Amino acid sequence: MTRRYVITFGCPDRVGIVASIATFLAELGGMIVEAAYHTDQDTGWFFTRQEIDAATLPIDVDELRTRFGEVAARLAEHSDWQIMDTASRRRVVILVSREGHCLYDILGRVASGELDVDVPAVIGNHPDLAPITEAHGIRFHHVPFPPGDRSGAFAAVRDLVEAAEPHAIVLARFMQILPAQLCERWAGRALNIHHSFLPSFVGAKPYHQAHQRGVKLIGATCHYVTAELDAGPIIDQDVIRVGHADSVTDMVRRGRDIEKVVLARGLRWHLENRILVHGNRTVVFQY
């Protein structure tokens, strides 16, 4: 794909926003190659995502940010916006525990080139997934989590993550609850895969909860991490049908397939700046 600049922008809705942005880009000679728009009727907030062919602009991305910032200030007193350069490599750090299905899937997509990112580190609170990580040429960091006070372990994880300066921190069945200060530091970058169709069955052992309740659908949810457990803005979800004869083991096995797909989609959309967060909700411009 040709190099592109991706603009995401949100502000209170009013007449003239689309025209102002289009005029700004047209006057620079910029060619819009993909655009999407949405207005939330409940909040009155406008959202847009636009991709511009970088070769059609006479300025670099830093100058584009400076000039677009002036347009954003004229459009609204309060707005949220970003400009991403697709030529800048995305970096992903993955946090894991013992279950490896999500890690295997991500590493496979990276190795095949389907997910064109750098993975500078995988961090685990158990050493079980070190061999598969190192087989992909990626460094594995084992950070033990002792019973009781785990502040030292989380501090070590924080230092390892932030040394990599990642665009995404993926909790690939990490099975540890991030402390509030890390949730705040990594807000909008930390993604979790929860093995249920949230908001149903929050917390531990959701498949066991689902089995006890006798549900006919189980699912998985990719969401941003917040201090409130399993309650962050939802990025993607999917489900699979189960029946009365399915055991908890059956649900776990079948649910893993959904978890992998949902996490991979959510991660890709995040890295492509397709997700705009407003409060505890998301607008996801998938295509």
Protein backbone atom coordinates (compact mmCIF):
# COMPACT_ATOMS: atom_id res chain seq x y z
CA MET A 1 0.00 0.00 0.00
CA THR A 2 1.22 3.51 -0.77
CA ARG A 3 2.24 5.71 2.11
CA ARG A 4 -0.73 7.43 3.69
CA TYR A 5 -1.49 9.95 6.39
CA VAL A 6 -4.47 8.91 8.50
CA ILE A 7 -6.49 11.70 10.10
CA THR A 8 -8.96 10.92 12.87
CA PHE A 9 -11.05 13.75 14.21
CA GLY A 10 -13.95 14.19 16.62
CA CYS A 11 -15.77 17.24 17.93
CA PRO A 12 -19.30 18.49 18.70
CA ASP A 13 -21.29 18.24 15.48
CA ARG A 14 -22.15 21.35 13.47
CA VAL A 15 -22.57 22.41 9.88
CA GLY A 16 -19.41 22.75 7.81
CA ILE A 17 -16.99 20.29 9.43
CA VAL A 18 -16.65 18.01 6.40
CA ALA A 19 -16.39 20.96 4.03
CA SER A 20 -13.69 22.62 6.16
CA ILE A 21 -11.51 19.50 6.29
CA ALA A 22 -12.00 18.73 2.59
CA THR A 23 -11.19 22.32 1.61
CA PHE A 24 -8.07 22.31 3.78
CA LEU A 25 -6.79 19.13 2.13
CA ALA A 26 -7.80 20.22 -1.39
CA GLU A 27 -5.93 23.50 -1.06
CA LEU A 28 -2.81 21.51 -0.20
CA GLY A 29 -3.38 19.23 -3.18
CA GLY A 30 -4.02 16.23 -0.95
CA MET A 31 -5.94 13.29 -2.42
CA ILE A 32 -8.38 11.59 -0.04
CA VAL A 33 -8.31 7.84 -0.78
CA GLU A 34 -10.58 6.67 2.04
CA ALA A 35 -13.08 8.55 4.20
CA ALA A 36 -15.73 7.69 6.78
CA TYR A 37 -18.07 9.80 8.90
CA HIS A 38 -20.46 9.30 11.79
CA THR A 39 -22.50 11.47 14.14
CA ASP A 40 -23.65 10.04 17.47
CA GLN A 41 -27.21 11.26 17.89
CA ASP A 42 -27.13 10.67 21.66
CA THR A 43 -24.08 12.82 22.36
CA GLY A 44 -24.10 15.10 19.33
CA TRP A 45 -20.46 14.22 18.66
CA PHE A 46 -19.10 14.03 15.12
CA PHE A 47 -16.40 11.52 14.07
CA THR A 48 -14.36 11.13 10.92
CA ARG A 49 -11.41 9.10 9.66
CA GLN A 50 -9.64 10.03 6.44
CA GLU A 51 -6.67 8.58 4.59
CA ILE A 52 -4.65 10.86 2.34
CA ASP A 53 -2.11 9.76 -0.25
CA ALA A 54 1.08 11.17 1.28
CA ALA A 55 2.72 11.62 -2.12
CA THR A 56 0.08 14.20 -3.10
CA LEU A 57 0.98 16.57 -0.26
CA PRO A 58 3.84 19.08 -0.52
CA ILE A 59 4.47 19.01 3.26
CA ASP A 60 5.64 16.36 5.72
CA VAL A 61 3.56 14.84 8.49
CA ASP A 62 4.83 17.24 11.17
CA GLU A 63 3.84 20.26 9.12
CA LEU A 64 0.50 18.62 8.36
CA ARG A 65 -0.13 18.20 12.08
CA THR A 66 0.70 21.85 12.73
CA ARG A 67 -1.60 23.13 10.00
CA PHE A 68 -4.43 20.72 10.78
CA GLY A 69 -4.25 21.77 14.42
CA GLU A 70 -5.21 25.28 13.30
CA VAL A 71 -8.20 23.90 11.38
CA ALA A 72 -9.28 21.82 14.41
CA ALA A 73 -9.08 24.89 16.66
CA ARG A 74 -11.33 26.84 14.31
CA LEU A 75 -13.86 24.02 14.11
CA ALA A 76 -14.33 23.48 17.83
CA GLU A 77 -13.08 24.63 21.21
CA HIS A 78 -12.78 20.99 22.27
CA SER A 79 -11.83 18.26 19.83
CA ASP A 80 -9.91 14.99 19.69
CA TRP A 81 -7.67 14.34 16.73
CA GLN A 82 -4.59 12.45 15.58
CA ILE A 83 -2.58 12.12 12.39
CA MET A 84 -0.78 8.84 11.82
CA ASP A 85 1.89 8.20 9.19
CA THR A 86 1.65 4.66 7.79
CA ALA A 87 5.39 4.77 7.06
CA SER A 88 6.01 4.74 10.82
CA ARG A 89 6.37 1.13 11.97
CA ARG A 90 3.86 0.02 14.57
CA ARG A 91 5.25 -1.71 17.68
CA VAL A 92 3.32 -4.20 19.81
CA VAL A 93 4.23 -5.63 23.21
CA ILE A 94 2.32 -8.75 24.27
CA LEU A 95 1.58 -9.78 27.87
CA VAL A 96 0.86 -13.46 28.46
CA SER A 97 0.42 -16.09 31.13
CA ARG A 98 0.23 -19.83 30.40
CA GLU A 99 -2.47 -20.10 27.71
CA GLY A 100 -0.84 -19.58 24.35
CA HIS A 101 -3.57 -19.69 21.69
CA CYS A 102 -3.82 -15.90 21.28
CA LEU A 103 -0.04 -15.49 21.28
CA TYR A 104 0.39 -18.26 18.68
CA ASP A 105 -2.18 -16.58 16.47
CA ILE A 106 -0.62 -13.10 16.66
CA LEU A 107 2.91 -14.39 16.10
CA GLY A 108 1.70 -16.44 13.13
CA ARG A 109 0.09 -13.38 11.57
CA VAL A 110 3.26 -11.36 12.13
CA ALA A 111 5.49 -14.10 10.68
CA SER A 112 3.31 -14.42 7.57
CA GLY A 113 3.28 -10.67 6.99
CA GLU A 114 -0.48 -10.44 7.46
CA LEU A 115 0.12 -8.21 10.47
CA ASP A 116 2.95 -5.91 9.47
CA VAL A 117 4.24 -4.85 12.89
CA ASP A 118 7.29 -5.19 15.10
CA VAL A 119 7.02 -7.19 18.33
CA PRO A 120 10.02 -6.12 20.42
CA ALA A 121 9.00 -8.13 23.49
CA VAL A 122 6.66 -10.69 24.97
CA ILE A 123 6.30 -10.55 28.75
CA GLY A 124 4.95 -13.46 30.77
CA ASN A 125 4.23 -14.06 34.42
CA HIS A 126 5.10 -17.72 33.77
CA PRO A 127 7.92 -19.04 31.55
CA ASP A 128 5.74 -21.50 29.61
CA LEU A 129 5.51 -19.47 26.39
CA ALA A 130 9.19 -18.56 26.16
CA PRO A 131 10.04 -21.32 23.62
CA ILE A 132 7.41 -20.34 21.04
CA THR A 133 8.27 -16.65 21.46
CA GLU A 134 11.99 -17.21 21.02
CA ALA A 135 11.36 -19.50 18.05
CA HIS A 136 9.98 -16.40 16.31
CA GLY A 137 13.14 -14.46 17.15
CA ILE A 138 11.42 -12.34 19.79
CA ARG A 139 12.78 -11.77 23.27
CA PHE A 140 10.74 -13.24 26.12
CA HIS A 141 10.82 -11.63 29.56
CA HIS A 142 9.71 -13.71 32.53
CA VAL A 143 8.38 -11.56 35.38
CA PRO A 144 7.17 -13.75 38.29
CA PHE A 145 4.10 -12.56 40.18
CA PRO A 146 4.40 -13.64 43.83
CA PRO A 147 1.40 -14.05 46.11
CA GLY A 148 0.49 -10.94 48.06
CA ASP A 149 2.05 -7.63 47.09
CA ARG A 150 2.61 -7.58 43.33
CA SER A 151 3.60 -3.94 42.97
CA GLY A 152 7.22 -4.86 42.26
CA ALA A 153 6.19 -7.24 39.48
CA PHE A 154 3.94 -4.65 37.88
CA ALA A 155 6.74 -2.08 38.11
CA ALA A 156 9.05 -4.48 36.26
CA VAL A 157 6.39 -5.07 33.58
CA ARG A 158 5.87 -1.32 33.25
CA ASP A 159 9.58 -0.70 32.70
CA LEU A 160 9.86 -3.45 30.08
CA VAL A 161 6.79 -2.25 28.22
CA GLU A 162 7.70 1.41 28.20
CA ALA A 163 11.27 0.71 27.09
CA ALA A 164 9.75 -0.62 23.84
CA GLU A 165 7.60 2.51 23.29
CA PRO A 166 4.75 0.42 21.87
CA HIS A 167 1.70 1.62 19.99
CA ALA A 168 -0.26 -1.27 21.51
CA ILE A 169 0.04 -3.35 24.67
CA VAL A 170 -1.90 -6.57 24.15
CA LEU A 171 -3.12 -8.58 27.14
CA ALA A 172 -3.29 -11.94 25.36
CA ARG A 173 -4.88 -13.88 28.20
CA PHE A 174 -2.47 -12.27 30.68
CA MET A 175 -4.83 -13.19 33.56
CA GLN A 176 -3.61 -10.36 35.79
CA ILE A 177 -5.59 -7.23 36.67
CA LEU A 178 -3.59 -4.13 35.81
CA PRO A 179 -3.37 -1.60 38.66
CA ALA A 180 -5.19 1.67 38.12
CA GLN A 181 -2.01 3.65 37.55
CA LEU A 182 -0.99 1.43 34.64
CA CYS A 183 -4.50 1.58 33.18
CA GLU A 184 -4.17 5.36 33.22
CA ARG A 185 -0.63 5.41 31.78
CA TRP A 186 -1.61 3.03 28.96
CA ALA A 187 -5.10 4.39 28.31
CA GLY A 188 -6.06 3.94 24.68
CA ARG A 189 -3.12 1.59 24.04
CA ALA A 190 -3.78 -1.44 26.27
CA LEU A 191 -6.10 -4.00 24.67
CA ASN A 192 -7.54 -7.02 26.43
CA ILE A 193 -9.30 -10.13 25.16
CA HIS A 194 -12.02 -11.30 27.52
CA HIS A 195 -13.47 -14.74 26.99
CA SER A 196 -17.13 -13.79 27.21
CA PHE A 197 -19.64 -11.61 25.41
CA LEU A 198 -19.42 -8.60 27.71
CA PRO A 199 -21.11 -7.28 29.74
CA SER A 200 -22.17 -10.85 30.53
CA PHE A 201 -19.95 -12.95 32.82
CA VAL A 202 -17.41 -10.38 33.95
CA GLY A 203 -14.34 -11.53 35.87
CA ALA A 204 -12.87 -14.98 36.40
CA LYS A 205 -13.98 -18.24 34.77
CA PRO A 206 -16.62 -16.85 32.40
CA TYR A 207 -16.99 -20.18 30.60
CA HIS A 208 -17.84 -21.83 33.91
CA GLN A 209 -20.37 -19.07 34.58
CA ALA A 210 -21.86 -19.51 31.12
CA HIS A 211 -22.13 -23.27 31.54
CA GLN A 212 -23.87 -22.92 34.89
CA ARG A 213 -26.31 -20.45 33.36
CA GLY A 214 -27.05 -22.74 30.43
CA VAL A 215 -26.43 -20.15 27.72
CA LYS A 216 -26.77 -21.04 24.04
CA LEU A 217 -24.22 -18.51 22.80
CA ILE A 218 -20.71 -17.86 24.08
CA GLY A 219 -18.41 -15.17 22.83
CA ALA A 220 -15.31 -13.06 23.19
CA THR A 221 -14.75 -9.33 23.59
CA CYS A 222 -11.75 -7.20 22.69
CA HIS A 223 -11.78 -3.97 24.68
CA TYR A 224 -9.53 -1.23 25.93
CA VAL A 225 -8.31 -1.71 29.49
CA THR A 226 -9.61 0.59 32.21
CA ALA A 227 -9.44 0.54 35.99
CA GLU A 228 -12.95 -0.91 36.11
CA LEU A 229 -12.59 -4.64 35.49
CA ASP A 230 -13.74 -5.78 32.02
CA ALA A 231 -15.66 -2.54 31.51
CA GLY A 232 -13.47 -0.60 29.07
CA PRO A 233 -14.62 0.65 25.66
CA ILE A 234 -15.51 -2.33 23.47
CA ILE A 235 -13.64 -2.70 20.17
CA ASP A 236 -14.99 -5.97 18.76
CA GLN A 237 -17.07 -8.99 19.73
CA ASP A 238 -18.17 -12.29 18.23
CA VAL A 239 -20.11 -15.36 19.31
CA ILE A 240 -20.47 -19.07 18.64
CA ARG A 241 -23.47 -21.30 19.38
CA VAL A 242 -23.24 -24.00 22.05
CA GLY A 243 -25.71 -26.61 23.23
CA HIS A 244 -26.83 -28.43 26.33
CA ALA A 245 -24.39 -31.28 25.68
CA ASP A 246 -21.33 -29.02 25.66
CA SER A 247 -19.17 -29.26 28.76
CA VAL A 248 -17.06 -26.46 30.16
CA THR A 249 -14.09 -28.05 28.40
CA ASP A 250 -15.99 -27.95 25.10
CA MET A 251 -16.84 -24.29 25.63
CA VAL A 252 -13.22 -23.43 26.40
CA ARG A 253 -11.98 -25.24 23.29
CA ARG A 254 -14.53 -23.66 20.98
CA GLY A 255 -14.23 -20.25 22.59
CA ARG A 256 -10.52 -20.10 21.88
CA ASP A 257 -11.21 -19.84 18.15
CA ILE A 258 -13.44 -16.82 18.71
CA GLU A 259 -10.92 -15.20 21.07
CA LYS A 260 -8.14 -15.36 18.47
CA VAL A 261 -10.19 -13.83 15.68
CA VAL A 262 -11.70 -11.07 17.81
CA LEU A 263 -8.32 -10.07 19.26
CA ALA A 264 -6.64 -10.05 15.85
CA ARG A 265 -9.37 -7.85 14.37
CA GLY A 266 -9.31 -5.46 17.29
CA LEU A 267 -5.52 -5.16 17.20
CA ARG A 268 -5.48 -4.51 13.46
CA TRP A 269 -8.16 -1.80 13.72
CA HIS A 270 -6.28 -0.18 16.59
CA LEU A 271 -2.98 -0.12 14.71
CA GLU A 272 -4.69 1.32 11.62
CA ASN A 273 -6.27 4.11 13.73
CA ARG A 274 -9.77 2.90 12.87
CA ILE A 275 -11.06 3.23 16.44
CA LEU A 276 -12.26 6.52 17.91
CA VAL A 277 -13.06 6.46 21.62
CA HIS A 278 -15.60 8.82 23.14
CA GLY A 279 -16.38 8.26 26.80
CA ASN A 280 -16.84 4.53 27.25
CA ARG A 281 -17.98 3.88 23.71
CA THR A 282 -16.16 3.42 20.43
CA VAL A 283 -16.74 4.24 16.79
CA VAL A 284 -14.95 1.67 14.65
CA PHE A 285 -14.47 2.55 10.98
CA GLN A 286 -13.78 -0.99 9.81
CA TYR A 287 -13.47 -0.32 6.08
